[in-house]
Protein backbone atom coordinates (compact mmCIF):
# COMPACT_ATOMS: atom_id res chain seq x y z
CA MET A 1 0.03 -0.05 0.08
CA LYS A 2 1.46 3.50 -1.02
CA LYS A 3 0.91 5.88 1.66
CA LEU A 4 1.53 9.67 1.59
CA VAL A 5 1.97 11.78 4.68
CA ILE A 6 1.24 15.74 4.27
CA LEU A 7 2.54 17.52 7.52
CA ASP A 8 1.73 21.63 8.27
CA PHE A 9 4.59 22.84 9.81
CA ASP A 10 4.03 25.66 12.38
CA GLY A 11 1.88 24.71 15.43
CA THR A 12 1.62 21.16 14.00
CA ILE A 13 5.21 19.73 14.18
CA TYR A 14 6.74 23.03 15.53
CA LYS A 15 5.99 24.62 18.44
CA GLY A 16 4.92 27.98 17.58
CA ASP A 17 5.47 30.27 14.40
CA SER A 18 8.46 30.05 12.80
CA LEU A 19 8.18 33.28 10.92
CA LEU A 20 8.28 35.20 13.87
CA HIS A 21 10.63 32.93 16.22
CA PHE A 22 13.13 33.30 12.72
CA ALA A 23 12.45 37.41 12.70
CA ARG A 24 13.04 37.53 16.45
CA PHE A 25 16.26 35.42 15.94
CA LEU A 26 17.67 37.43 13.03
CA ASN A 27 17.41 40.74 14.81
CA PRO A 28 15.65 40.45 18.42
CA ALA A 29 15.63 44.79 18.88
CA LYS A 30 14.24 45.33 14.96
CA TYR A 31 11.27 42.22 15.74
CA TYR A 32 10.37 43.84 19.24
CA GLY A 33 10.22 47.31 17.51
CA SER A 34 8.29 46.17 14.45
CA LEU A 35 5.07 44.54 16.54
CA PHE A 36 4.21 48.12 17.04
CA LEU A 37 4.60 49.14 13.03
CA ILE A 38 2.98 45.87 12.21
CA ALA A 39 -0.29 46.17 14.54
CA PHE A 40 -2.55 48.63 11.98
CA PRO A 41 -1.75 46.37 9.13
CA VAL A 42 -2.54 43.46 10.91
CA LEU A 43 -5.74 44.97 11.79
CA PHE A 44 -6.65 46.08 8.44
CA SER A 45 -6.07 42.54 7.59
CA LYS A 46 -8.47 41.33 10.10
CA LEU A 47 -10.92 43.78 8.97
CA GLY A 48 -10.53 42.36 5.23
CA LEU A 49 -8.93 45.53 4.01
CA LEU A 50 -5.65 44.02 3.27
CA SER A 51 -4.85 40.44 1.98
CA ALA A 52 -2.81 38.02 4.20
CA GLN A 53 -0.27 37.61 1.43
CA ARG A 54 0.17 41.35 1.32
CA LEU A 55 0.51 41.31 5.52
CA LYS A 56 3.05 38.82 5.15
CA GLU A 57 5.14 40.48 2.23
CA LEU A 58 5.28 43.72 4.64
CA PHE A 59 6.53 41.70 7.48
CA PHE A 60 9.04 40.35 5.23
CA SER A 61 10.24 43.48 3.95
CA MET A 62 11.00 44.72 7.48
CA HIS A 63 13.03 41.50 8.35
CA LEU A 64 14.29 39.49 5.04
CA ARG A 65 14.31 42.39 2.68
CA GLY A 66 18.31 42.83 1.55
CA PHE A 67 19.65 39.59 2.96
CA SER A 68 20.81 37.17 0.13
CA GLN A 69 19.75 33.83 -0.09
CA SER A 70 22.72 32.16 1.43
CA GLU A 71 22.81 34.48 4.17
CA LEU A 72 19.49 33.36 5.37
CA ARG A 73 20.23 30.09 4.59
CA GLU A 74 23.14 30.25 6.94
CA ARG A 75 20.66 32.02 9.28
CA GLY A 76 18.45 29.27 9.07
CA GLN A 77 20.61 26.79 9.68
CA ALA A 78 21.69 28.56 12.99
CA PHE A 79 18.05 28.83 13.88
CA PHE A 80 17.25 25.13 13.69
CA GLU A 81 20.61 24.12 15.77
CA ALA A 82 19.03 26.69 18.33
CA ASN A 83 15.50 25.58 17.81
CA ARG A 84 15.45 22.10 17.28
CA ASP A 85 13.58 21.28 20.61
CA ARG A 86 10.83 23.13 19.63
CA LEU A 87 9.70 19.99 17.26
CA PHE A 88 6.66 18.29 19.26
CA SER A 89 8.61 15.01 20.24
CA LYS A 90 5.46 12.94 19.23
CA ALA A 91 5.50 14.58 15.80
CA VAL A 92 9.20 13.39 15.81
CA SER A 93 8.59 9.91 16.56
CA TYR A 94 5.32 9.52 14.41
CA ILE A 95 7.35 10.90 11.50
CA ARG A 96 10.28 8.28 11.89
CA GLU A 97 7.95 5.16 12.18
CA GLN A 98 5.85 6.43 9.02
CA GLN A 99 9.10 6.81 6.86
CA GLN A 100 9.75 2.83 6.78
CA ASP A 101 6.63 2.64 4.27
CA SER A 102 5.65 6.02 3.72
CA ARG A 103 6.36 9.18 1.61
CA CYS A 104 6.33 12.12 4.46
CA MET A 105 6.31 15.69 3.54
CA VAL A 106 6.04 19.24 4.96
CA VAL A 107 3.46 21.51 3.15
CA SER A 108 4.03 25.19 4.62
CA ALA A 109 3.37 29.12 4.54
CA SER A 110 7.07 29.57 5.95
CA CYS A 111 9.61 29.63 3.70
CA SER A 112 12.57 27.09 3.01
CA GLU A 113 15.49 29.46 3.95
CA TRP A 114 14.81 28.34 7.71
CA LEU A 115 12.44 25.04 7.06
CA GLN A 116 14.73 23.22 5.35
CA PRO A 117 17.44 22.43 8.08
CA PHE A 118 14.35 20.86 9.95
CA CYS A 119 13.01 18.84 7.13
CA ASP A 120 16.51 17.50 6.45
CA SER A 121 17.12 16.59 9.96
CA LEU A 122 13.80 14.81 9.61
CA GLN A 123 14.33 13.52 5.91
CA LEU A 124 10.87 15.21 4.93
CA GLU A 125 10.27 16.67 1.54
CA LEU A 126 9.47 20.34 1.22
CA ILE A 127 6.94 22.24 -0.06
CA CYS A 128 6.54 26.05 0.87
CA THR A 129 6.04 29.79 0.05
CA ALA A 130 8.99 31.23 -1.92
CA LEU A 131 10.64 34.29 -1.24
CA GLU A 132 11.54 36.77 -4.05
CA TYR A 133 15.17 37.62 -4.88
CA ASP A 134 16.21 40.63 -7.13
CA THR A 135 18.65 40.34 -10.30
CA ALA A 136 21.78 41.06 -7.45
CA GLY A 137 20.64 37.81 -5.36
CA LYS A 138 18.90 40.05 -2.47
CA SER A 139 15.55 39.26 -0.92
CA THR A 140 13.24 41.64 -2.30
CA GLY A 141 10.80 41.25 0.83
CA ASN A 142 7.95 39.74 -1.63
CA ILE A 143 6.49 36.68 -2.14
CA GLN A 144 7.63 34.72 -5.36
CA GLY A 145 4.24 33.06 -6.63
CA GLU A 146 1.38 32.63 -3.80
CA ASN A 147 1.44 32.45 -0.16
CA VAL A 148 1.15 28.32 0.14
CA LYS A 149 -1.87 28.57 2.54
CA GLY A 150 -5.15 27.25 2.60
CA MET A 151 -6.44 25.93 -1.09
CA GLU A 152 -2.72 27.19 -2.14
CA LYS A 153 -1.56 24.46 -0.05
CA ILE A 154 -3.59 21.93 -2.30
CA ARG A 155 -2.55 23.51 -5.29
CA ALA A 156 1.35 23.52 -4.78
CA LEU A 157 1.08 19.67 -3.53
CA LYS A 158 -0.58 18.90 -6.85
CA GLN A 159 1.93 20.44 -8.49
CA LYS A 160 4.68 18.09 -7.30
CA VAL A 161 2.29 15.51 -6.21
CA ASP A 162 0.16 12.66 -8.28
CA LEU A 163 -2.36 12.14 -5.85
CA ALA A 164 -3.83 9.18 -7.51
CA GLU A 165 -1.02 7.37 -6.76
CA TYR A 166 -1.54 6.96 -3.32
CA ASP A 167 -3.81 4.18 -1.73
CA SER A 168 -3.68 6.20 1.58
CA VAL A 169 -3.38 10.11 2.33
CA VAL A 170 -3.15 11.30 5.79
CA ALA A 171 -2.85 14.94 6.81
CA PHE A 172 -1.92 16.87 9.99
CA GLY A 173 -2.50 20.42 10.72
CA ASN A 174 -3.66 23.14 13.24
CA SER A 175 -5.41 25.93 11.91
CA GLN A 176 -8.87 26.51 10.31
CA GLU A 177 -7.01 26.98 6.65
CA ASP A 178 -5.24 23.38 7.48
CA ARG A 179 -8.71 21.52 7.52
CA ILE A 180 -8.70 22.14 3.55
CA LEU A 181 -6.25 19.32 3.44
CA ALA A 182 -9.03 16.83 4.90
CA ASP A 183 -10.73 17.31 1.30
CA ILE A 184 -7.60 15.28 -0.15
CA SER A 185 -7.09 12.76 2.79
CA GLN A 186 -8.47 9.94 3.95
CA SER A 187 -7.71 10.78 7.40
CA TYR A 188 -7.03 14.48 8.75
CA HIS A 189 -5.85 15.12 12.19
CA HIS A 190 -6.16 18.68 13.94
CA ARG A 191 -3.58 19.57 16.56
CA PHE A 192 -2.54 15.82 16.88
CA PHE A 193 1.11 16.11 18.17
CA GLU A 194 0.61 18.82 21.05
């Protein structure tokens, strides 16, 4: 039997929001200062006046713009070393058990620059939101393509994986947007590893 295991990252196998944690890791003073600056855009987003993707790009611009991809990957590796204990131990055990006979992957709205080391450590494939880089190789603070959240998770997944090849699809999430994964899986688990 061919089995596919789909895992959200933030709040599902990782305790908290890795984007916020990574921004704080990069520059704590800038991070805490930005909380005031981002308050109004967050409010506008809640009121439906600003898209979630645009809000995320504003946050990216504050914290990630100007870094090269190699710099962010290097910081991402250091972030992993400092935060690997934030992985839910139940999730790590489950993933290791499943890998013997299943294909396991993370599908996340966070970015590979800081998620890849976690996925490499757990031997997980990764589908995620991509940062945009300019011709000089510096982060623009924008998203390349779409934010991999909600329905976009399914679209991004279907671009990489033929779900019809699998006899069983099991999915794990923790947010309302993740519940959409129930539409493509035989078994969806919410906040399972906490």
